[in-house]
Amino acid sequence: MTDTTRWKATVHIRGLAPAVTTATIHDAFIPFGEIVDISLPKNEKPDSTDPHRGFAYVEYEDEEDAKEAIDNMDQSELFGRVIRVSAAKIPKSAKEGLGSKTAVWEQEGWLAENAVSEEDRLAATAPDDPMQGLEGLDVAGPKPQ
């Protein structure tokens, strides 16, 4: 299964109560199809008492199962909270665009978008003689009439 296909079969769940566990999510979402993976990111803040960050991803075997879960579980209640269920967004590549670890001008997409033709490059270059076009400006002050 390609990464794009996997993301199309994945749902994003927001608004989870602290008491929710992966087992709870599994039990709530298994009626819609075969679950491949559940990701419930842990809370990394040292001062927080919440065991997770309040959202999860559920990857289904089939894209249609994910759509069914979205249709049936969005705006439903789980542990006293209304949860929001939507299709997971495909993450941007770590190698493309702003925020990547590669300089923008070294990326293929940027090069293709910002390529300059040789004709434009020649037109933008400075003249060989920096004094060219400045004839008659060697005297300070207003021009004589």
N, C-alpha and C. Protein backbone atom coordinates (compact mmCIF):
# COMPACT_ATOMS: atom_id res chain seq x y z
N MET A 1 0.85 -1.18 0.00
CA MET A 1 0.00 0.00 0.00
C MET A 1 0.90 1.23 0.00
N THR A 2 0.62 2.16 -0.91
CA THR A 2 1.43 3.38 -0.99
C THR A 2 1.07 4.32 0.16
N ASP A 3 1.96 5.29 0.40
CA ASP A 3 1.71 6.25 1.49
C ASP A 3 0.44 7.05 1.25
N THR A 4 0.21 7.45 0.01
CA THR A 4 -1.00 8.23 -0.31
C THR A 4 -2.24 7.41 -0.03
N THR A 5 -2.23 6.15 -0.40
CA THR A 5 -3.38 5.27 -0.16
C THR A 5 -3.59 5.08 1.34
N ARG A 6 -2.50 4.95 2.07
CA ARG A 6 -2.61 4.79 3.52
C ARG A 6 -3.24 6.02 4.16
N TRP A 7 -2.84 7.23 3.71
CA TRP A 7 -3.40 8.44 4.29
C TRP A 7 -4.87 8.60 3.93
N LYS A 8 -5.28 8.11 2.77
CA LYS A 8 -6.70 8.20 2.39
C LYS A 8 -7.55 7.27 3.25
N ALA A 9 -6.94 6.23 3.80
CA ALA A 9 -7.66 5.27 4.64
C ALA A 9 -7.47 5.58 6.13
N THR A 10 -7.00 6.79 6.44
CA THR A 10 -6.74 7.19 7.83
C THR A 10 -7.66 8.33 8.23
N VAL A 11 -8.20 8.24 9.47
CA VAL A 11 -9.04 9.32 9.99
C VAL A 11 -8.31 10.00 11.15
N HIS A 12 -8.60 11.28 11.31
CA HIS A 12 -8.03 12.09 12.39
C HIS A 12 -9.15 12.38 13.37
N ILE A 13 -8.90 12.10 14.64
CA ILE A 13 -9.92 12.30 15.69
C ILE A 13 -9.40 13.38 16.64
N ARG A 14 -10.21 14.43 16.85
CA ARG A 14 -9.84 15.52 17.75
C ARG A 14 -10.83 15.61 18.89
N GLY A 15 -10.39 16.22 19.99
CA GLY A 15 -11.26 16.47 21.13
C GLY A 15 -11.39 15.30 22.08
N LEU A 16 -10.38 14.46 22.15
CA LEU A 16 -10.45 13.28 23.01
C LEU A 16 -10.25 13.65 24.47
N ALA A 17 -11.01 12.99 25.35
CA ALA A 17 -10.88 13.18 26.79
C ALA A 17 -9.61 12.49 27.28
N PRO A 18 -9.03 12.94 28.39
CA PRO A 18 -7.81 12.32 28.91
C PRO A 18 -7.97 10.83 29.24
N ALA A 19 -9.18 10.40 29.54
CA ALA A 19 -9.41 9.00 29.92
C ALA A 19 -9.40 8.04 28.73
N VAL A 20 -9.42 8.57 27.52
CA VAL A 20 -9.47 7.73 26.32
C VAL A 20 -8.12 7.04 26.12
N THR A 21 -8.17 5.74 25.78
CA THR A 21 -6.97 4.96 25.50
C THR A 21 -7.08 4.38 24.08
N THR A 22 -6.01 3.74 23.63
CA THR A 22 -6.06 3.10 22.30
C THR A 22 -7.12 2.00 22.28
N ALA A 23 -7.30 1.31 23.39
CA ALA A 23 -8.33 0.26 23.46
C ALA A 23 -9.73 0.87 23.30
N THR A 24 -9.95 2.02 23.92
CA THR A 24 -11.23 2.72 23.80
C THR A 24 -11.48 3.12 22.36
N ILE A 25 -10.46 3.68 21.72
CA ILE A 25 -10.60 4.10 20.33
C ILE A 25 -10.87 2.89 19.44
N HIS A 26 -10.15 1.81 19.70
CA HIS A 26 -10.34 0.58 18.91
C HIS A 26 -11.78 0.10 19.03
N ASP A 27 -12.30 0.04 20.26
CA ASP A 27 -13.68 -0.44 20.46
C ASP A 27 -14.70 0.48 19.80
N ALA A 28 -14.45 1.79 19.80
CA ALA A 28 -15.40 2.73 19.22
C ALA A 28 -15.38 2.73 17.69
N PHE A 29 -14.22 2.43 17.09
CA PHE A 29 -14.09 2.56 15.64
C PHE A 29 -14.04 1.23 14.89
N ILE A 30 -14.00 0.10 15.57
CA ILE A 30 -13.94 -1.19 14.89
C ILE A 30 -15.23 -1.53 14.14
N PRO A 31 -16.40 -1.03 14.52
CA PRO A 31 -17.60 -1.39 13.75
C PRO A 31 -17.57 -0.95 12.28
N PHE A 32 -16.68 -0.03 11.92
CA PHE A 32 -16.68 0.50 10.56
C PHE A 32 -15.72 -0.20 9.63
N GLY A 33 -14.89 -1.09 10.14
CA GLY A 33 -13.97 -1.83 9.28
C GLY A 33 -12.74 -2.29 10.02
N GLU A 34 -11.91 -3.03 9.30
CA GLU A 34 -10.68 -3.58 9.87
C GLU A 34 -9.67 -2.46 10.12
N ILE A 35 -9.24 -2.35 11.38
CA ILE A 35 -8.27 -1.32 11.76
C ILE A 35 -6.86 -1.87 11.61
N VAL A 36 -6.02 -1.10 10.92
CA VAL A 36 -4.62 -1.49 10.72
C VAL A 36 -3.75 -0.95 11.85
N ASP A 37 -3.97 0.33 12.23
CA ASP A 37 -3.12 0.96 13.23
C ASP A 37 -3.87 2.08 13.92
N ILE A 38 -3.54 2.29 15.20
CA ILE A 38 -4.07 3.42 15.97
C ILE A 38 -2.88 4.16 16.56
N SER A 39 -2.85 5.46 16.35
CA SER A 39 -1.78 6.29 16.89
C SER A 39 -2.39 7.34 17.82
N LEU A 40 -2.01 7.28 19.10
CA LEU A 40 -2.49 8.23 20.10
C LEU A 40 -1.24 8.89 20.69
N PRO A 41 -0.80 10.02 20.10
CA PRO A 41 0.46 10.65 20.53
C PRO A 41 0.45 11.04 22.01
N LYS A 42 1.52 10.68 22.69
CA LYS A 42 1.67 11.00 24.11
C LYS A 42 1.96 12.48 24.30
N ASN A 43 1.55 12.98 25.46
CA ASN A 43 1.81 14.38 25.81
C ASN A 43 3.25 14.49 26.29
N GLU A 44 4.03 15.35 25.66
CA GLU A 44 5.44 15.49 25.99
C GLU A 44 5.72 16.66 26.93
N LYS A 45 4.68 17.40 27.31
CA LYS A 45 4.87 18.52 28.23
C LYS A 45 5.04 17.97 29.64
N PRO A 46 6.12 18.32 30.32
CA PRO A 46 6.36 17.76 31.65
C PRO A 46 5.37 18.22 32.71
N ASP A 47 4.78 19.40 32.55
CA ASP A 47 3.87 19.93 33.57
C ASP A 47 2.41 19.51 33.35
N SER A 48 2.12 18.75 32.30
CA SER A 48 0.75 18.36 32.00
C SER A 48 0.39 17.03 32.66
N THR A 49 -0.86 16.93 33.09
CA THR A 49 -1.32 15.67 33.69
C THR A 49 -2.04 14.79 32.68
N ASP A 50 -2.28 15.31 31.47
CA ASP A 50 -2.95 14.52 30.44
C ASP A 50 -1.99 13.48 29.87
N PRO A 51 -2.46 12.23 29.72
CA PRO A 51 -1.58 11.17 29.20
C PRO A 51 -1.32 11.27 27.69
N HIS A 52 -2.20 11.98 26.97
CA HIS A 52 -2.02 12.12 25.52
C HIS A 52 -2.37 13.54 25.09
N ARG A 53 -2.20 13.83 23.82
CA ARG A 53 -2.34 15.20 23.32
C ARG A 53 -3.76 15.56 22.88
N GLY A 54 -4.72 14.67 23.03
CA GLY A 54 -6.12 14.98 22.73
C GLY A 54 -6.55 14.68 21.31
N PHE A 55 -5.69 14.02 20.53
CA PHE A 55 -6.08 13.62 19.19
C PHE A 55 -5.47 12.26 18.88
N ALA A 56 -6.00 11.62 17.84
CA ALA A 56 -5.51 10.30 17.44
C ALA A 56 -5.71 10.10 15.96
N TYR A 57 -5.01 9.11 15.43
CA TYR A 57 -5.17 8.68 14.04
C TYR A 57 -5.57 7.22 14.04
N VAL A 58 -6.55 6.89 13.21
CA VAL A 58 -6.95 5.49 13.04
C VAL A 58 -6.81 5.16 11.57
N GLU A 59 -5.97 4.17 11.28
CA GLU A 59 -5.77 3.75 9.90
C GLU A 59 -6.58 2.49 9.65
N TYR A 60 -7.41 2.54 8.62
CA TYR A 60 -8.24 1.40 8.23
C TYR A 60 -7.60 0.63 7.08
N GLU A 61 -8.08 -0.58 6.90
CA GLU A 61 -7.62 -1.42 5.80
C GLU A 61 -8.08 -0.84 4.47
N ASP A 62 -9.29 -0.25 4.45
CA ASP A 62 -9.89 0.22 3.22
C ASP A 62 -10.31 1.69 3.35
N GLU A 63 -10.19 2.43 2.28
CA GLU A 63 -10.57 3.85 2.26
C GLU A 63 -12.05 4.04 2.55
N GLU A 64 -12.87 3.14 2.05
CA GLU A 64 -14.33 3.23 2.28
C GLU A 64 -14.67 3.09 3.77
N ASP A 65 -13.92 2.28 4.50
CA ASP A 65 -14.14 2.13 5.94
C ASP A 65 -13.86 3.44 6.66
N ALA A 66 -12.83 4.15 6.23
CA ALA A 66 -12.50 5.45 6.83
C ALA A 66 -13.63 6.45 6.58
N LYS A 67 -14.18 6.46 5.36
CA LYS A 67 -15.29 7.37 5.06
C LYS A 67 -16.51 7.04 5.91
N GLU A 68 -16.75 5.75 6.12
CA GLU A 68 -17.87 5.31 6.95
C GLU A 68 -17.68 5.76 8.39
N ALA A 69 -16.48 5.66 8.90
CA ALA A 69 -16.19 6.09 10.27
C ALA A 69 -16.40 7.60 10.41
N ILE A 70 -15.98 8.36 9.41
CA ILE A 70 -16.17 9.82 9.45
C ILE A 70 -17.65 10.15 9.46
N ASP A 71 -18.42 9.52 8.58
CA ASP A 71 -19.85 9.79 8.49
C ASP A 71 -20.59 9.47 9.78
N ASN A 72 -20.17 8.42 10.46
CA ASN A 72 -20.90 7.97 11.65
C ASN A 72 -20.37 8.53 12.97
N MET A 73 -19.11 8.87 13.04
CA MET A 73 -18.53 9.27 14.33
C MET A 73 -18.28 10.76 14.49
N ASP A 74 -18.28 11.53 13.40
CA ASP A 74 -18.07 12.96 13.52
C ASP A 74 -19.20 13.58 14.34
N GLN A 75 -18.84 14.42 15.31
CA GLN A 75 -19.77 15.10 16.21
C GLN A 75 -20.48 14.14 17.16
N SER A 76 -19.92 12.96 17.38
CA SER A 76 -20.49 12.03 18.36
C SER A 76 -19.82 12.27 19.71
N GLU A 77 -20.35 11.65 20.75
CA GLU A 77 -19.82 11.86 22.09
C GLU A 77 -19.03 10.63 22.53
N LEU A 78 -17.86 10.89 23.11
CA LEU A 78 -17.01 9.82 23.62
C LEU A 78 -16.42 10.30 24.94
N PHE A 79 -16.75 9.60 26.02
CA PHE A 79 -16.30 9.97 27.36
C PHE A 79 -16.70 11.40 27.72
N GLY A 80 -17.92 11.79 27.36
CA GLY A 80 -18.43 13.09 27.74
C GLY A 80 -17.97 14.26 26.89
N ARG A 81 -17.23 13.98 25.84
CA ARG A 81 -16.77 15.05 24.95
C ARG A 81 -17.24 14.78 23.53
N VAL A 82 -17.57 15.86 22.83
CA VAL A 82 -17.93 15.73 21.42
C VAL A 82 -16.63 15.66 20.63
N ILE A 83 -16.48 14.59 19.88
CA ILE A 83 -15.25 14.42 19.10
C ILE A 83 -15.50 14.83 17.66
N ARG A 84 -14.44 15.25 17.00
CA ARG A 84 -14.51 15.61 15.58
C ARG A 84 -13.65 14.62 14.82
N VAL A 85 -14.25 14.00 13.83
CA VAL A 85 -13.56 12.99 13.04
C VAL A 85 -13.53 13.47 11.59
N SER A 86 -12.34 13.50 11.01
CA SER A 86 -12.17 13.95 9.63
C SER A 86 -11.10 13.13 8.95
N ALA A 87 -11.01 13.29 7.65
CA ALA A 87 -9.97 12.59 6.89
C ALA A 87 -8.61 13.18 7.29
N ALA A 88 -7.64 12.31 7.46
CA ALA A 88 -6.29 12.76 7.80
C ALA A 88 -5.67 13.45 6.60
N LYS A 89 -4.94 14.51 6.84
CA LYS A 89 -4.27 15.23 5.76
C LYS A 89 -2.91 14.60 5.50
N ILE A 90 -2.55 14.53 4.25
CA ILE A 90 -1.25 13.99 3.89
C ILE A 90 -0.19 15.00 4.33
N PRO A 91 0.78 14.57 5.13
CA PRO A 91 1.79 15.53 5.58
C PRO A 91 2.66 16.01 4.44
N LYS A 92 3.11 17.25 4.55
CA LYS A 92 4.01 17.78 3.54
C LYS A 92 5.35 17.07 3.65
N SER A 93 5.99 16.94 2.55
CA SER A 93 7.29 16.28 2.52
C SER A 93 8.31 17.10 3.30
N ALA A 94 9.16 16.42 4.03
CA ALA A 94 10.21 17.09 4.79
C ALA A 94 11.31 17.59 3.86
N LYS A 95 11.23 17.22 2.58
CA LYS A 95 12.26 17.63 1.63
C LYS A 95 11.80 18.75 0.71
N GLU A 96 10.54 19.16 0.80
CA GLU A 96 10.00 20.17 -0.10
C GLU A 96 9.39 21.32 0.68
N GLY A 97 9.45 22.51 0.12
CA GLY A 97 8.77 23.68 0.64
C GLY A 97 9.46 24.31 1.84
N LEU A 98 8.81 25.33 2.38
CA LEU A 98 9.36 26.02 3.54
C LEU A 98 9.29 25.08 4.74
N GLY A 99 10.25 25.16 5.60
CA GLY A 99 10.29 24.31 6.77
C GLY A 99 11.03 23.01 6.54
N SER A 100 11.49 22.77 5.33
CA SER A 100 12.22 21.54 5.06
C SER A 100 13.68 21.72 5.48
N LYS A 101 14.41 20.64 5.45
CA LYS A 101 15.81 20.69 5.85
C LYS A 101 16.72 20.96 4.67
N THR A 102 16.14 21.17 3.49
CA THR A 102 16.91 21.48 2.29
C THR A 102 16.66 22.94 1.92
N ALA A 103 17.70 23.64 1.53
CA ALA A 103 17.54 25.04 1.13
C ALA A 103 16.55 25.14 -0.02
N VAL A 104 15.73 26.16 -0.01
CA VAL A 104 14.67 26.33 -1.01
C VAL A 104 15.24 26.31 -2.42
N TRP A 105 16.35 26.99 -2.65
CA TRP A 105 16.92 27.09 -4.00
C TRP A 105 17.55 25.77 -4.47
N GLU A 106 17.67 24.78 -3.58
CA GLU A 106 18.21 23.48 -3.98
C GLU A 106 17.10 22.47 -4.26
N GLN A 107 15.85 22.86 -4.08
CA GLN A 107 14.74 21.95 -4.28
C GLN A 107 14.30 21.98 -5.74
N GLU A 108 13.97 20.81 -6.27
CA GLU A 108 13.58 20.70 -7.68
C GLU A 108 12.35 21.55 -8.00
N GLY A 109 11.36 21.53 -7.14
CA GLY A 109 10.14 22.30 -7.39
C GLY A 109 10.41 23.79 -7.46
N TRP A 110 11.26 24.28 -6.58
CA TRP A 110 11.58 25.70 -6.56
C TRP A 110 12.36 26.08 -7.82
N LEU A 111 13.29 25.21 -8.21
CA LEU A 111 14.08 25.49 -9.41
C LEU A 111 13.19 25.55 -10.65
N ALA A 112 12.24 24.63 -10.75
CA ALA A 112 11.36 24.62 -11.91
C ALA A 112 10.47 25.87 -11.94
N GLU A 113 10.00 26.30 -10.78
CA GLU A 113 9.13 27.47 -10.69
C GLU A 113 9.87 28.78 -10.96
N ASN A 114 11.12 28.85 -10.53
CA ASN A 114 11.86 30.11 -10.57
C ASN A 114 13.00 30.10 -11.58
N ALA A 115 12.93 29.22 -12.54
CA ALA A 115 13.98 29.16 -13.55
C ALA A 115 13.97 30.45 -14.38
N VAL A 116 15.16 30.94 -14.69
CA VAL A 116 15.31 32.16 -15.47
C VAL A 116 15.95 31.79 -16.80
N SER A 117 15.37 32.27 -17.88
CA SER A 117 15.93 31.96 -19.20
C SER A 117 17.25 32.71 -19.37
N GLU A 118 18.08 32.23 -20.29
CA GLU A 118 19.37 32.85 -20.55
C GLU A 118 19.19 34.28 -21.06
N GLU A 119 18.14 34.49 -21.86
CA GLU A 119 17.86 35.84 -22.40
C GLU A 119 17.56 36.82 -21.26
N ASP A 120 16.74 36.40 -20.30
CA ASP A 120 16.43 37.26 -19.16
C ASP A 120 17.66 37.50 -18.29
N ARG A 121 18.47 36.48 -18.16
CA ARG A 121 19.67 36.61 -17.35
C ARG A 121 20.63 37.65 -17.96
N LEU A 122 20.78 37.61 -19.29
CA LEU A 122 21.66 38.57 -19.97
C LEU A 122 21.10 39.99 -19.88
N ALA A 123 19.78 40.12 -19.96
CA ALA A 123 19.17 41.45 -19.89
C ALA A 123 19.33 42.06 -18.51
N ALA A 124 19.44 41.24 -17.49
CA ALA A 124 19.53 41.74 -16.13
C ALA A 124 20.95 42.01 -15.69
N THR A 125 21.93 41.60 -16.47
CA THR A 125 23.32 41.81 -16.06
C THR A 125 23.72 43.28 -16.22
N ALA A 126 24.63 43.70 -15.39
CA ALA A 126 25.10 45.09 -15.42
C ALA A 126 26.04 45.28 -16.61
N PRO A 127 26.16 46.48 -17.13
CA PRO A 127 27.08 46.73 -18.25
C PRO A 127 28.52 46.52 -17.78
N ASP A 128 29.40 46.25 -18.76
CA ASP A 128 30.81 46.01 -18.44
C ASP A 128 31.46 47.26 -17.87
N ASP A 129 31.12 48.43 -18.39
CA ASP A 129 31.70 49.67 -17.94
C ASP A 129 30.73 50.33 -16.95
N PRO A 130 31.11 50.45 -15.68
CA PRO A 130 30.19 51.04 -14.71
C PRO A 130 29.90 52.51 -14.97
N MET A 131 30.72 53.18 -15.82
CA MET A 131 30.52 54.59 -16.12
C MET A 131 29.65 54.80 -17.36
N GLN A 132 29.27 53.70 -18.00
CA GLN A 132 28.47 53.81 -19.22
C GLN A 132 27.12 54.46 -18.89
N GLY A 133 26.75 55.45 -19.69
CA GLY A 133 25.49 56.15 -19.49
C GLY A 133 25.61 57.34 -18.57
N LEU A 134 26.79 57.59 -18.04
CA LEU A 134 26.97 58.70 -17.12
C LEU A 134 27.76 59.86 -17.75
N GLU A 135 27.87 59.85 -19.09
CA GLU A 135 28.61 60.91 -19.77
C GLU A 135 27.95 62.25 -19.48
N GLY A 136 28.76 63.25 -19.25
CA GLY A 136 28.24 64.60 -19.03
C GLY A 136 27.81 64.84 -17.61
N LEU A 137 27.97 63.89 -16.76
CA LEU A 137 27.58 64.07 -15.36
C LEU A 137 28.81 64.26 -14.47
N ASP A 138 29.93 64.65 -15.06
CA ASP A 138 31.14 64.77 -14.28
C ASP A 138 31.22 66.11 -13.55
N VAL A 139 30.31 67.02 -13.78
CA VAL A 139 30.32 68.31 -13.14
C VAL A 139 29.18 68.34 -12.13
N ALA A 140 29.49 68.76 -10.92
CA ALA A 140 28.48 68.84 -9.88
C ALA A 140 27.63 70.10 -10.08
N GLY A 141 26.42 70.07 -9.60
CA GLY A 141 25.57 71.22 -9.66
C GLY A 141 24.58 71.16 -10.80
N PRO A 142 23.78 72.22 -10.96
CA PRO A 142 22.76 72.22 -12.00
C PRO A 142 23.38 72.30 -13.39
N LYS A 143 22.65 71.80 -14.34
CA LYS A 143 23.11 71.84 -15.74
C LYS A 143 23.07 73.29 -16.23
N PRO A 144 24.10 73.69 -17.00
CA PRO A 144 24.05 75.06 -17.55
C PRO A 144 22.94 75.14 -18.62
N GLN A 145 22.34 76.30 -18.73
CA GLN A 145 21.24 76.49 -19.66
C GLN A 145 21.69 76.84 -21.01
